[in-house]
């Protein structure tokens, strides 16, 4: 969920929206609907999280149900995160979550 909007795949969308936090590299990689993206991140006390400047592909993606730049902006705006069971949230200060994701863990 991005803000109050549930993200759903478009019929013409080839890849699902996702991101992966690679702990051993402090990198986040993913797909924002059509374009891939990558950046580094740091974790600090009190669940604080900071993402570096975004590197992203710039492919034109017509008829997409998600605004990719709005999705990617949440990484820039996020100041902390929370994890509850299978839910990962990016938050700003003590406000409501910017974005809420299903958390899937890999070893």
C-alpha atoms as a PDB file:
ATOM      1  CA  UNK A   1       0.000   0.000   0.000  1.00  0.00           C
ATOM      2  CA  UNK A   2       1.325   3.393  -0.981  1.00  0.00           C
ATOM      3  CA  UNK A   3      -0.248   6.020   1.262  1.00  0.00           C
ATOM      4  CA  UNK A   4      -3.902   5.050   1.130  1.00  0.00           C
ATOM      5  CA  UNK A   5      -3.690   3.476  -2.351  1.00  0.00           C
ATOM      6  CA  UNK A   6      -3.496  -0.313  -2.752  1.00  0.00           C
ATOM      7  CA  UNK A   7      -1.014  -1.218  -5.473  1.00  0.00           C
ATOM      8  CA  UNK A   8      -2.299  -3.703  -8.022  1.00  0.00           C
ATOM      9  CA  UNK A   9      -0.673  -4.945 -11.184  1.00  0.00           C
ATOM     10  CA  UNK A  10      -1.934  -3.547 -14.484  1.00  0.00           C
ATOM     11  CA  UNK A  11      -2.892  -6.016 -17.201  1.00  0.00           C
ATOM     12  CA  UNK A  12       0.035  -4.797 -19.308  1.00  0.00           C
ATOM     13  CA  UNK A  13       2.482  -4.738 -16.370  1.00  0.00           C
ATOM     14  CA  UNK A  14       5.218  -7.318 -16.870  1.00  0.00           C
ATOM     15  CA  UNK A  15       6.735  -7.378 -13.364  1.00  0.00           C
ATOM     16  CA  UNK A  16       5.330  -7.102  -9.866  1.00  0.00           C
ATOM     17  CA  UNK A  17       6.326  -4.131  -7.696  1.00  0.00           C
ATOM     18  CA  UNK A  18       8.823  -5.228  -5.068  1.00  0.00           C
ATOM     19  CA  UNK A  19      12.017  -4.332  -3.281  1.00  0.00           C
ATOM     20  CA  UNK A  20      14.654  -6.335  -1.462  1.00  0.00           C
ATOM     21  CA  UNK A  21      16.852  -5.111   1.384  1.00  0.00           C
ATOM     22  CA  UNK A  22      20.225  -6.800   0.985  1.00  0.00           C
ATOM     23  CA  UNK A  23      21.577  -6.621   4.535  1.00  0.00           C
ATOM     24  CA  UNK A  24      25.122  -7.797   3.794  1.00  0.00           C
ATOM     25  CA  UNK A  25      25.525  -5.042   1.159  1.00  0.00           C
ATOM     26  CA  UNK A  26      23.288  -2.358   2.722  1.00  0.00           C
ATOM     27  CA  UNK A  27      21.577  -2.080  -0.663  1.00  0.00           C
ATOM     28  CA  UNK A  28      17.963  -1.977  -1.706  1.00  0.00           C
ATOM     29  CA  UNK A  29      17.024  -3.196  -5.184  1.00  0.00           C
ATOM     30  CA  UNK A  30      13.640  -3.592  -6.778  1.00  0.00           C
ATOM     31  CA  UNK A  31      11.061  -2.875  -9.446  1.00  0.00           C
ATOM     32  CA  UNK A  32       8.804   0.189  -9.197  1.00  0.00           C
ATOM     33  CA  UNK A  33       6.187  -1.187 -11.594  1.00  0.00           C
ATOM     34  CA  UNK A  34       8.188  -1.057 -14.801  1.00  0.00           C
ATOM     35  CA  UNK A  35      11.607   0.410 -14.019  1.00  0.00           C
ATOM     36  CA  UNK A  36      14.257  -1.202 -11.837  1.00  0.00           C
ATOM     37  CA  UNK A  37      15.952   0.764  -9.070  1.00  0.00           C
ATOM     38  CA  UNK A  38      18.883   0.491  -6.699  1.00  0.00           C
ATOM     39  CA  UNK A  39      20.308   2.489  -3.812  1.00  0.00           C
ATOM     40  CA  UNK A  40      22.134   2.029  -0.530  1.00  0.00           C
ATOM     41  CA  UNK A  41      20.656   2.390   2.935  1.00  0.00           C
ATOM     42  CA  UNK A  42      21.776   2.702   6.534  1.00  0.00           C
ATOM     43  CA  UNK A  43      20.041   1.477   9.671  1.00  0.00           C
ATOM     44  CA  UNK A  44      20.407   3.378  12.932  1.00  0.00           C
ATOM     45  CA  UNK A  45      19.066   3.197  16.486  1.00  0.00           C
ATOM     46  CA  UNK A  46      15.318   3.323  17.095  1.00  0.00           C
ATOM     47  CA  UNK A  47      14.481   1.747  13.716  1.00  0.00           C
ATOM     48  CA  UNK A  48      15.761   4.759  11.802  1.00  0.00           C
ATOM     49  CA  UNK A  49      16.460   4.115   8.132  1.00  0.00           C
ATOM     50  CA  UNK A  50      18.027   6.383   5.518  1.00  0.00           C
ATOM     51  CA  UNK A  51      18.258   5.714   1.779  1.00  0.00           C
ATOM     52  CA  UNK A  52      20.854   7.219  -0.561  1.00  0.00           C
ATOM     53  CA  UNK A  53      20.160   8.879  -3.895  1.00  0.00           C
ATOM     54  CA  UNK A  54      18.248   6.617  -6.279  1.00  0.00           C
ATOM     55  CA  UNK A  55      19.665   4.993  -9.379  1.00  0.00           C
ATOM     56  CA  UNK A  56      16.824   3.938 -11.681  1.00  0.00           C
ATOM     57  CA  UNK A  57      16.139   2.884 -15.245  1.00  0.00           C
ATOM     58  CA  UNK A  58      14.135   5.381 -17.335  1.00  0.00           C
ATOM     59  CA  UNK A  59      11.919   3.200 -19.530  1.00  0.00           C
ATOM     60  CA  UNK A  60       8.592   4.704 -20.643  1.00  0.00           C
ATOM     61  CA  UNK A  61       5.793   2.700 -19.053  1.00  0.00           C
ATOM     62  CA  UNK A  62       2.359   3.655 -20.416  1.00  0.00           C
ATOM     63  CA  UNK A  63      -0.898   2.687 -18.688  1.00  0.00           C
ATOM     64  CA  UNK A  64       0.699   1.783 -15.371  1.00  0.00           C
ATOM     65  CA  UNK A  65      -1.590   1.764 -12.305  1.00  0.00           C
ATOM     66  CA  UNK A  66       1.146   3.111 -10.026  1.00  0.00           C
ATOM     67  CA  UNK A  67       3.007   6.405 -10.103  1.00  0.00           C
ATOM     68  CA  UNK A  68       6.604   5.153  -9.996  1.00  0.00           C
ATOM     69  CA  UNK A  69       8.076   8.488  -8.921  1.00  0.00           C
ATOM     70  CA  UNK A  70       5.633   8.687  -6.002  1.00  0.00           C
ATOM     71  CA  UNK A  71       6.544   5.142  -4.973  1.00  0.00           C
ATOM     72  CA  UNK A  72      10.281   5.906  -5.141  1.00  0.00           C
ATOM     73  CA  UNK A  73       9.856   9.207  -3.284  1.00  0.00           C
ATOM     74  CA  UNK A  74       8.708   7.273  -0.198  1.00  0.00           C
ATOM     75  CA  UNK A  75      12.224   5.882   0.120  1.00  0.00           C
ATOM     76  CA  UNK A  76      13.588   9.449   0.192  1.00  0.00           C
ATOM     77  CA  UNK A  77      10.978  10.648   2.701  1.00  0.00           C
ATOM     78  CA  UNK A  78      11.190   7.688   5.073  1.00  0.00           C
ATOM     79  CA  UNK A  79      12.933   8.350   8.368  1.00  0.00           C
ATOM     80  CA  UNK A  80      12.122   5.093  10.144  1.00  0.00           C
ATOM     81  CA  UNK A  81      10.657   1.654   9.596  1.00  0.00           C
ATOM     82  CA  UNK A  82       8.642  -0.891  11.518  1.00  0.00           C
ATOM     83  CA  UNK A  83       8.197  -4.639  11.168  1.00  0.00           C
ATOM     84  CA  UNK A  84       5.201  -6.416  12.663  1.00  0.00           C
ATOM     85  CA  UNK A  85       4.792 -10.106  11.837  1.00  0.00           C
ATOM     86  CA  UNK A  86       4.696 -10.088   8.015  1.00  0.00           C
ATOM     87  CA  UNK A  87       4.255  -6.330   7.503  1.00  0.00           C
ATOM     88  CA  UNK A  88       7.089  -3.892   6.741  1.00  0.00           C
ATOM     89  CA  UNK A  89       6.271  -0.170   6.920  1.00  0.00           C
ATOM     90  CA  UNK A  90       8.239   2.877   5.844  1.00  0.00           C
ATOM     91  CA  UNK A  91       7.318   5.812   8.064  1.00  0.00           C
ATOM     92  CA  UNK A  92       8.026   9.506   8.350  1.00  0.00           C
ATOM     93  CA  UNK A  93       8.608  10.786  11.898  1.00  0.00           C
ATOM     94  CA  UNK A  94       5.690   9.676  14.069  1.00  0.00           C
ATOM     95  CA  UNK A  95       3.072   9.985  11.341  1.00  0.00           C
ATOM     96  CA  UNK A  96       1.090   7.291   9.611  1.00  0.00           C
ATOM     97  CA  UNK A  97       3.076   4.957   7.358  1.00  0.00           C
ATOM     98  CA  UNK A  98       4.143   6.269   3.959  1.00  0.00           C
ATOM     99  CA  UNK A  99       4.024   2.774   2.513  1.00  0.00           C
ATOM    100  CA  UNK A 100       3.142  -0.685   3.824  1.00  0.00           C
ATOM    101  CA  UNK A 101       4.521  -3.896   2.311  1.00  0.00           C
ATOM    102  CA  UNK A 102       4.177  -7.612   2.801  1.00  0.00           C
ATOM    103  CA  UNK A 103       7.422  -8.806   4.356  1.00  0.00           C
ATOM    104  CA  UNK A 104       8.977 -11.988   3.002  1.00  0.00           C
ATOM    105  CA  UNK A 105      12.174 -13.258   4.562  1.00  0.00           C
ATOM    106  CA  UNK A 106      14.953 -15.163   2.792  1.00  0.00           C
ATOM    107  CA  UNK A 107      17.998 -16.822   4.303  1.00  0.00           C
END
